[in-house]
Amino acid sequence: VQLQASGGGLVQAGDSLRLSCVVSGSTFSSYGMGWFRQAPGKEREFVAASSWSGGSEYYADAVKGRFTISRDDAKNTVYLQMNSLKPEDTAVYSCAAQGFGCLGDGCYDLHEYDHWGQGTLVTVSS
């Protein structure tokens, strides 16, 4: 399984940005998909997850109400729509997959993810 993230860039506070992550593999609809981010000097943290296609969504408190995770099974792609961006959202964002879906706490835990894509940098200026 290979993951390719894209869509990062430099934006101003209050702007929106959509990240994409294309996933190889024939069973994408059953994958648990997550987005994580790592700011300079900080540990990687959970942002959002989709348990499987049509399943539950999970969000970190810091992004709840501003970010939305979605997936397009026909395109083997998971998206992260980011609205009302803040300078503190600046980070490298990475997508990750669990081959058999995720559930509850397992969706939040980066150690539960089997496959990772390269990151895409999001910079939010004030």
C-alpha atoms as a PDB file:
ATOM      1  CA  VAL A   1       0.000   0.000   0.000  1.00  0.00           C
ATOM      2  CA  GLN A   2       1.360   3.375  -0.984  1.00  0.00           C
ATOM      3  CA  LEU A   3       0.014   6.764   0.010  1.00  0.00           C
ATOM      4  CA  GLN A   4       0.669  10.065  -1.733  1.00  0.00           C
ATOM      5  CA  ALA A   5      -0.387  13.266  -0.001  1.00  0.00           C
ATOM      6  CA  SER A   6      -0.650  16.647  -1.659  1.00  0.00           C
ATOM      7  CA  GLY A   7      -2.322  20.020  -1.370  1.00  0.00           C
ATOM      8  CA  GLY A   8      -0.242  21.827   1.197  1.00  0.00           C
ATOM      9  CA  GLY A   9       0.853  25.404   0.791  1.00  0.00           C
ATOM     10  CA  LEU A  10       1.145  28.857   2.289  1.00  0.00           C
ATOM     11  CA  VAL A  11      -2.114  30.525   3.248  1.00  0.00           C
ATOM     12  CA  GLN A  12      -3.282  33.323   5.500  1.00  0.00           C
ATOM     13  CA  ALA A  13      -5.182  32.928   8.724  1.00  0.00           C
ATOM     14  CA  GLY A  14      -8.863  32.378   8.008  1.00  0.00           C
ATOM     15  CA  ASP A  15      -8.244  30.786   4.622  1.00  0.00           C
ATOM     16  CA  SER A  16      -9.173  27.268   3.554  1.00  0.00           C
ATOM     17  CA  LEU A  17      -7.127  24.462   2.091  1.00  0.00           C
ATOM     18  CA  ARG A  18      -7.903  20.918   1.003  1.00  0.00           C
ATOM     19  CA  LEU A  19      -5.391  18.128   1.342  1.00  0.00           C
ATOM     20  CA  SER A  20      -5.618  14.952  -0.716  1.00  0.00           C
ATOM     21  CA  CYS A  21      -4.135  11.528  -0.164  1.00  0.00           C
ATOM     22  CA  VAL A  22      -4.253   8.960  -2.962  1.00  0.00           C
ATOM     23  CA  VAL A  23      -3.959   5.361  -1.800  1.00  0.00           C
ATOM     24  CA  SER A  24      -2.914   2.353  -3.834  1.00  0.00           C
ATOM     25  CA  GLY A  25      -4.641  -0.955  -3.209  1.00  0.00           C
ATOM     26  CA  SER A  26      -7.909  -2.583  -4.133  1.00  0.00           C
ATOM     27  CA  THR A  27      -9.636  -2.523  -0.770  1.00  0.00           C
ATOM     28  CA  PHE A  28      -9.512   1.188  -0.021  1.00  0.00           C
ATOM     29  CA  SER A  29     -13.126   1.267   1.147  1.00  0.00           C
ATOM     30  CA  SER A  30     -12.228  -0.953   4.096  1.00  0.00           C
ATOM     31  CA  TYR A  31      -9.158   1.019   5.145  1.00  0.00           C
ATOM     32  CA  GLY A  32      -9.126   3.138   8.222  1.00  0.00           C
ATOM     33  CA  MET A  33      -7.677   6.457   7.091  1.00  0.00           C
ATOM     34  CA  GLY A  34      -6.111   9.070   9.294  1.00  0.00           C
ATOM     35  CA  TRP A  35      -4.516  12.477   9.049  1.00  0.00           C
ATOM     36  CA  PHE A  36      -1.768  13.462  11.446  1.00  0.00           C
ATOM     37  CA  ARG A  37       0.385  16.551  11.716  1.00  0.00           C
ATOM     38  CA  GLN A  38       3.724  17.487  13.141  1.00  0.00           C
ATOM     39  CA  ALA A  39       4.680  21.050  13.912  1.00  0.00           C
ATOM     40  CA  PRO A  40       8.333  22.088  14.273  1.00  0.00           C
ATOM     41  CA  GLY A  41       9.735  20.897  17.569  1.00  0.00           C
ATOM     42  CA  LYS A  42       6.586  19.001  18.474  1.00  0.00           C
ATOM     43  CA  GLU A  43       5.475  15.405  18.340  1.00  0.00           C
ATOM     44  CA  ARG A  44       3.204  14.075  15.657  1.00  0.00           C
ATOM     45  CA  GLU A  45      -0.438  14.441  16.643  1.00  0.00           C
ATOM     46  CA  PHE A  46      -3.759  13.110  15.519  1.00  0.00           C
ATOM     47  CA  VAL A  47      -5.952  15.373  13.388  1.00  0.00           C
ATOM     48  CA  ALA A  48      -8.806  13.335  11.902  1.00  0.00           C
ATOM     49  CA  ALA A  49      -9.762   9.811  10.903  1.00  0.00           C
ATOM     50  CA  SER A  50     -12.342   7.866   8.951  1.00  0.00           C
ATOM     51  CA  SER A  51     -12.957   4.355  10.257  1.00  0.00           C
ATOM     52  CA  TRP A  52     -13.887   2.940   6.820  1.00  0.00           C
ATOM     53  CA  SER A  53     -16.059   4.005   3.940  1.00  0.00           C
ATOM     54  CA  GLY A  54     -19.414   5.065   5.353  1.00  0.00           C
ATOM     55  CA  GLY A  55     -18.193   4.580   8.898  1.00  0.00           C
ATOM     56  CA  SER A  56     -17.422   6.945  11.730  1.00  0.00           C
ATOM     57  CA  GLU A  57     -15.318  10.085  11.695  1.00  0.00           C
ATOM     58  CA  TYR A  58     -13.042  11.249  14.464  1.00  0.00           C
ATOM     59  CA  TYR A  59     -11.499  14.650  15.077  1.00  0.00           C
ATOM     60  CA  ALA A  60      -9.023  16.203  17.419  1.00  0.00           C
ATOM     61  CA  ASP A  61     -10.601  18.846  19.632  1.00  0.00           C
ATOM     62  CA  ALA A  62      -8.323  21.493  18.141  1.00  0.00           C
ATOM     63  CA  VAL A  63      -9.811  21.048  14.669  1.00  0.00           C
ATOM     64  CA  LYS A  64     -13.372  19.993  15.412  1.00  0.00           C
ATOM     65  CA  GLY A  65     -15.833  22.186  13.543  1.00  0.00           C
ATOM     66  CA  ARG A  66     -13.137  23.515  11.198  1.00  0.00           C
ATOM     67  CA  PHE A  67     -11.731  20.405   9.502  1.00  0.00           C
ATOM     68  CA  THR A  68     -13.632  17.679   7.669  1.00  0.00           C
ATOM     69  CA  ILE A  69     -12.344  14.319   6.533  1.00  0.00           C
ATOM     70  CA  SER A  70     -13.968  12.683   3.540  1.00  0.00           C
ATOM     71  CA  ARG A  71     -13.177   9.925   1.108  1.00  0.00           C
ATOM     72  CA  ASP A  72     -13.898   9.070  -2.505  1.00  0.00           C
ATOM     73  CA  ASP A  73     -13.737   5.326  -3.003  1.00  0.00           C
ATOM     74  CA  ALA A  74     -13.843   5.625  -6.779  1.00  0.00           C
ATOM     75  CA  LYS A  75     -10.630   7.614  -6.648  1.00  0.00           C
ATOM     76  CA  ASN A  76      -9.012   5.807  -3.716  1.00  0.00           C
ATOM     77  CA  THR A  77      -8.590   9.204  -2.152  1.00  0.00           C
ATOM     78  CA  VAL A  78      -9.103  10.659   1.285  1.00  0.00           C
ATOM     79  CA  TYR A  79      -9.401  14.409   1.758  1.00  0.00           C
ATOM     80  CA  LEU A  80      -8.943  16.815   4.605  1.00  0.00           C
ATOM     81  CA  GLN A  81     -10.882  20.021   4.130  1.00  0.00           C
ATOM     82  CA  MET A  82      -9.410  22.664   6.398  1.00  0.00           C
ATOM     83  CA  ASN A  83     -11.378  25.863   6.990  1.00  0.00           C
ATOM     84  CA  SER A  84     -10.729  28.870   9.197  1.00  0.00           C
ATOM     85  CA  LEU A  85      -7.067  28.032   9.352  1.00  0.00           C
ATOM     86  CA  LYS A  86      -5.016  29.394  12.219  1.00  0.00           C
ATOM     87  CA  PRO A  87      -1.266  29.941  12.542  1.00  0.00           C
ATOM     88  CA  GLU A  88      -1.181  27.094  15.053  1.00  0.00           C
ATOM     89  CA  ASP A  89      -2.332  24.737  12.286  1.00  0.00           C
ATOM     90  CA  THR A  90       1.072  25.154  10.660  1.00  0.00           C
ATOM     91  CA  ALA A  91       2.628  21.706  10.373  1.00  0.00           C
ATOM     92  CA  VAL A  92       3.579  18.889   8.074  1.00  0.00           C
ATOM     93  CA  TYR A  93       0.420  16.879   7.464  1.00  0.00           C
ATOM     94  CA  SER A  94       0.634  13.153   6.755  1.00  0.00           C
ATOM     95  CA  CYS A  95      -1.958  10.592   5.811  1.00  0.00           C
ATOM     96  CA  ALA A  96      -1.930   7.049   7.108  1.00  0.00           C
ATOM     97  CA  ALA A  97      -3.876   3.828   6.592  1.00  0.00           C
ATOM     98  CA  GLN A  98      -4.959   0.836   8.610  1.00  0.00           C
ATOM     99  CA  GLY A  99      -5.640  -2.092   6.327  1.00  0.00           C
ATOM    100  CA  PHE A 100      -8.670  -3.451   8.187  1.00  0.00           C
ATOM    101  CA  GLY A 101     -10.344  -0.261   9.297  1.00  0.00           C
ATOM    102  CA  CYS A 102     -10.141   1.394  12.663  1.00  0.00           C
ATOM    103  CA  LEU A 103     -12.491   1.704  15.583  1.00  0.00           C
ATOM    104  CA  GLY A 104     -12.629   4.066  18.513  1.00  0.00           C
ATOM    105  CA  ASP A 105      -9.303   4.660  20.219  1.00  0.00           C
ATOM    106  CA  GLY A 106      -7.542   2.763  17.468  1.00  0.00           C
ATOM    107  CA  CYS A 107      -8.347   5.546  15.054  1.00  0.00           C
ATOM    108  CA  TYR A 108      -6.572   8.113  17.198  1.00  0.00           C
ATOM    109  CA  ASP A 109      -3.395   6.125  17.827  1.00  0.00           C
ATOM    110  CA  LEU A 110      -0.657   6.667  15.265  1.00  0.00           C
ATOM    111  CA  HIS A 111       0.953   3.358  16.247  1.00  0.00           C
ATOM    112  CA  GLU A 112      -2.107   1.499  14.942  1.00  0.00           C
ATOM    113  CA  TYR A 113      -1.509   2.705  11.390  1.00  0.00           C
ATOM    114  CA  ASP A 114       0.341   0.339   9.088  1.00  0.00           C
ATOM    115  CA  HIS A 115       1.096   2.577   6.159  1.00  0.00           C
ATOM    116  CA  TRP A 116       2.173   6.185   5.894  1.00  0.00           C
ATOM    117  CA  GLY A 117       2.517   8.677   3.120  1.00  0.00           C
ATOM    118  CA  GLN A 118       5.034  11.456   2.888  1.00  0.00           C
ATOM    119  CA  GLY A 119       3.967  14.717   4.447  1.00  0.00           C
ATOM    120  CA  THR A 120       2.736  17.896   2.870  1.00  0.00           C
ATOM    121  CA  LEU A 121       3.581  21.216   4.476  1.00  0.00           C
ATOM    122  CA  VAL A 122       0.852  23.621   5.496  1.00  0.00           C
ATOM    123  CA  THR A 123       1.945  27.074   6.579  1.00  0.00           C
ATOM    124  CA  VAL A 124      -0.591  29.543   7.932  1.00  0.00           C
ATOM    125  CA  SER A 125       0.544  33.123   8.279  1.00  0.00           C
ATOM    126  CA  SER A 126      -1.054  35.570  10.681  1.00  0.00           C
END
